[in-house]
C-alpha atoms as a PDB file:
ATOM      1  CA  UNK A   1     -70.933-236.319  64.808  1.00  0.00           C
ATOM      2  CA  UNK A   2     -73.250-239.213  63.858  1.00  0.00           C
ATOM      3  CA  UNK A   3     -74.103-241.888  66.391  1.00  0.00           C
ATOM      4  CA  UNK A   4     -72.599-245.362  65.876  1.00  0.00           C
ATOM      5  CA  UNK A   5     -73.901-246.845  62.621  1.00  0.00           C
ATOM      6  CA  UNK A   6     -75.814-243.605  61.950  1.00  0.00           C
ATOM      7  CA  UNK A   7     -76.301-242.415  58.393  1.00  0.00           C
ATOM      8  CA  UNK A   8     -77.529-239.347  56.545  1.00  0.00           C
ATOM      9  CA  UNK A   9     -80.293-239.675  53.948  1.00  0.00           C
ATOM     10  CA  UNK A  10     -79.425-237.702  50.828  1.00  0.00           C
ATOM     11  CA  UNK A  11     -80.221-237.416  47.151  1.00  0.00           C
ATOM     12  CA  UNK A  12     -78.309-237.679  43.866  1.00  0.00           C
ATOM     13  CA  UNK A  13     -76.589-234.321  44.392  1.00  0.00           C
ATOM     14  CA  UNK A  14     -74.430-235.667  47.218  1.00  0.00           C
ATOM     15  CA  UNK A  15     -71.182-237.596  46.662  1.00  0.00           C
ATOM     16  CA  UNK A  16     -71.113-241.250  47.625  1.00  0.00           C
ATOM     17  CA  UNK A  17     -69.795-241.638  51.190  1.00  0.00           C
ATOM     18  CA  UNK A  18     -69.886-244.459  53.736  1.00  0.00           C
ATOM     19  CA  UNK A  19     -72.153-242.449  56.051  1.00  0.00           C
ATOM     20  CA  UNK A  20     -74.578-241.301  53.314  1.00  0.00           C
ATOM     21  CA  UNK A  21     -77.543-243.210  51.864  1.00  0.00           C
ATOM     22  CA  UNK A  22     -78.479-242.022  48.391  1.00  0.00           C
ATOM     23  CA  UNK A  23     -80.686-243.525  45.686  1.00  0.00           C
ATOM     24  CA  UNK A  24     -79.486-245.740  42.877  1.00  0.00           C
ATOM     25  CA  UNK A  25     -79.173-243.611  39.722  1.00  0.00           C
ATOM     26  CA  UNK A  26     -80.758-244.369  36.385  1.00  0.00           C
ATOM     27  CA  UNK A  27     -84.003-245.730  35.025  1.00  0.00           C
ATOM     28  CA  UNK A  28     -83.207-249.403  34.358  1.00  0.00           C
ATOM     29  CA  UNK A  29     -82.986-250.582  37.946  1.00  0.00           C
ATOM     30  CA  UNK A  30     -83.327-254.062  39.370  1.00  0.00           C
ATOM     31  CA  UNK A  31     -86.400-254.763  41.511  1.00  0.00           C
ATOM     32  CA  UNK A  32     -84.378-254.605  44.768  1.00  0.00           C
ATOM     33  CA  UNK A  33     -82.859-251.262  43.724  1.00  0.00           C
ATOM     34  CA  UNK A  34     -86.319-249.833  43.004  1.00  0.00           C
ATOM     35  CA  UNK A  35     -87.537-250.984  46.434  1.00  0.00           C
ATOM     36  CA  UNK A  36     -84.461-249.410  48.069  1.00  0.00           C
ATOM     37  CA  UNK A  37     -85.055-246.104  46.230  1.00  0.00           C
ATOM     38  CA  UNK A  38     -88.735-246.111  47.237  1.00  0.00           C
ATOM     39  CA  UNK A  39     -87.974-246.742  50.911  1.00  0.00           C
ATOM     40  CA  UNK A  40     -85.202-244.168  50.906  1.00  0.00           C
ATOM     41  CA  UNK A  41     -87.637-241.668  49.387  1.00  0.00           C
ATOM     42  CA  UNK A  42     -90.135-242.407  52.177  1.00  0.00           C
ATOM     43  CA  UNK A  43     -87.442-241.850  54.830  1.00  0.00           C
ATOM     44  CA  UNK A  44     -86.471-238.567  53.201  1.00  0.00           C
ATOM     45  CA  UNK A  45     -90.110-237.481  53.114  1.00  0.00           C
ATOM     46  CA  UNK A  46     -90.437-238.137  56.862  1.00  0.00           C
ATOM     47  CA  UNK A  47     -87.436-235.859  57.557  1.00  0.00           C
ATOM     48  CA  UNK A  48     -88.803-233.167  55.242  1.00  0.00           C
ATOM     49  CA  UNK A  49     -92.154-233.340  57.041  1.00  0.00           C
ATOM     50  CA  UNK A  50     -90.410-232.971  60.400  1.00  0.00           C
ATOM     51  CA  UNK A  51     -88.376-229.962  59.323  1.00  0.00           C
ATOM     52  CA  UNK A  52     -91.350-228.433  57.511  1.00  0.00           C
ATOM     53  CA  UNK A  53     -93.532-228.714  60.592  1.00  0.00           C
ATOM     54  CA  UNK A  54     -90.857-227.170  62.813  1.00  0.00           C
ATOM     55  CA  UNK A  55     -90.424-224.260  60.383  1.00  0.00           C
ATOM     56  CA  UNK A  56     -94.181-223.711  60.154  1.00  0.00           C
ATOM     57  CA  UNK A  57     -94.655-223.791  63.956  1.00  0.00           C
ATOM     58  CA  UNK A  58     -91.508-222.047  65.226  1.00  0.00           C
ATOM     59  CA  UNK A  59     -90.482-218.780  63.572  1.00  0.00           C
ATOM     60  CA  UNK A  60     -86.885-219.146  64.738  1.00  0.00           C
ATOM     61  CA  UNK A  61     -86.336-221.639  61.867  1.00  0.00           C
ATOM     62  CA  UNK A  62     -87.600-219.313  59.131  1.00  0.00           C
ATOM     63  CA  UNK A  63     -84.231-217.603  58.773  1.00  0.00           C
ATOM     64  CA  UNK A  64     -80.618-218.414  59.629  1.00  0.00           C
ATOM     65  CA  UNK A  65     -80.005-218.704  63.367  1.00  0.00           C
ATOM     66  CA  UNK A  66     -77.082-216.417  64.108  1.00  0.00           C
ATOM     67  CA  UNK A  67     -75.921-217.879  67.399  1.00  0.00           C
ATOM     68  CA  UNK A  68     -73.089-220.097  68.571  1.00  0.00           C
ATOM     69  CA  UNK A  69     -73.361-223.840  67.955  1.00  0.00           C
ATOM     70  CA  UNK A  70     -74.213-224.659  71.588  1.00  0.00           C
ATOM     71  CA  UNK A  71     -77.147-222.229  71.570  1.00  0.00           C
ATOM     72  CA  UNK A  72     -78.409-223.506  68.209  1.00  0.00           C
ATOM     73  CA  UNK A  73     -78.245-227.066  69.540  1.00  0.00           C
ATOM     74  CA  UNK A  74     -80.342-226.009  72.554  1.00  0.00           C
ATOM     75  CA  UNK A  75     -82.872-224.220  70.325  1.00  0.00           C
ATOM     76  CA  UNK A  76     -83.296-227.291  68.093  1.00  0.00           C
ATOM     77  CA  UNK A  77     -83.564-229.724  71.017  1.00  0.00           C
ATOM     78  CA  UNK A  78     -86.022-227.498  72.880  1.00  0.00           C
ATOM     79  CA  UNK A  79     -88.165-227.037  69.771  1.00  0.00           C
ATOM     80  CA  UNK A  80     -88.267-230.805  69.197  1.00  0.00           C
ATOM     81  CA  UNK A  81     -89.172-231.466  72.845  1.00  0.00           C
ATOM     82  CA  UNK A  82     -91.884-228.798  72.753  1.00  0.00           C
ATOM     83  CA  UNK A  83     -93.204-230.178  69.444  1.00  0.00           C
ATOM     84  CA  UNK A  84     -93.370-233.709  70.912  1.00  0.00           C
ATOM     85  CA  UNK A  85     -95.120-232.468  74.045  1.00  0.00           C
ATOM     86  CA  UNK A  86     -97.650-230.453  72.031  1.00  0.00           C
ATOM     87  CA  UNK A  87     -98.246-233.387  69.683  1.00  0.00           C
ATOM     88  CA  UNK A  88     -99.064-235.643  72.643  1.00  0.00           C
ATOM     89  CA  UNK A  89    -101.089-233.122  74.653  1.00  0.00           C
ATOM     90  CA  UNK A  90    -102.705-230.708  72.183  1.00  0.00           C
ATOM     91  CA  UNK A  91    -102.957-232.711  68.973  1.00  0.00           C
ATOM     92  CA  UNK A  92    -106.342-231.356  67.893  1.00  0.00           C
ATOM     93  CA  UNK A  93    -105.248-227.728  68.024  1.00  0.00           C
ATOM     94  CA  UNK A  94    -101.479-227.890  67.518  1.00  0.00           C
ATOM     95  CA  UNK A  95    -101.087-230.186  64.533  1.00  0.00           C
ATOM     96  CA  UNK A  96    -104.217-231.056  62.540  1.00  0.00           C
ATOM     97  CA  UNK A  97    -104.006-234.196  60.393  1.00  0.00           C
ATOM     98  CA  UNK A  98    -103.938-232.108  57.208  1.00  0.00           C
ATOM     99  CA  UNK A  99    -100.654-230.462  58.317  1.00  0.00           C
ATOM    100  CA  UNK A 100     -98.455-233.403  57.354  1.00  0.00           C
ATOM    101  CA  UNK A 101     -97.994-235.316  54.107  1.00  0.00           C
ATOM    102  CA  UNK A 102    -100.187-238.401  53.843  1.00  0.00           C
ATOM    103  CA  UNK A 103     -99.457-241.370  51.601  1.00  0.00           C
ATOM    104  CA  UNK A 104    -102.445-242.852  49.786  1.00  0.00           C
ATOM    105  CA  UNK A 105    -101.192-246.416  49.398  1.00  0.00           C
ATOM    106  CA  UNK A 106    -104.144-247.511  47.249  1.00  0.00           C
ATOM    107  CA  UNK A 107    -103.528-244.828  44.621  1.00  0.00           C
ATOM    108  CA  UNK A 108     -99.764-244.662  45.129  1.00  0.00           C
ATOM    109  CA  UNK A 109     -99.597-240.921  45.653  1.00  0.00           C
ATOM    110  CA  UNK A 110     -98.606-238.415  48.292  1.00  0.00           C
ATOM    111  CA  UNK A 111    -101.107-235.827  49.490  1.00  0.00           C
ATOM    112  CA  UNK A 112     -99.044-232.792  50.541  1.00  0.00           C
ATOM    113  CA  UNK A 113     -99.537-231.367  54.018  1.00  0.00           C
ATOM    114  CA  UNK A 114    -100.532-227.761  54.610  1.00  0.00           C
ATOM    115  CA  UNK A 115     -97.043-226.876  55.912  1.00  0.00           C
ATOM    116  CA  UNK A 116     -95.834-226.957  52.288  1.00  0.00           C
END
């Protein structure tokens, strides 16, 4: 179901698969492995922000969606399109800056968004 060369970002709990990117385990990692884990963590955080925002803005995602797969696909696509439209046209009222996680690069920390 993934597009060509598409992958899923996961964590240590998932088994190693060709279509799954997961972090290197352990504490004694090479520099390149630490960089990979950091960037993978950032990618995962972006996805979590996206899902968190959708859940906080659209009640349909707050519980299991008991519909057929085609309908669920339409609900997800419509919600994403509506979110994108609102982000572009009603940013000040729809999604304040404090809603999403922000990375403070100088201090090396993440400031959680209000959706959490």
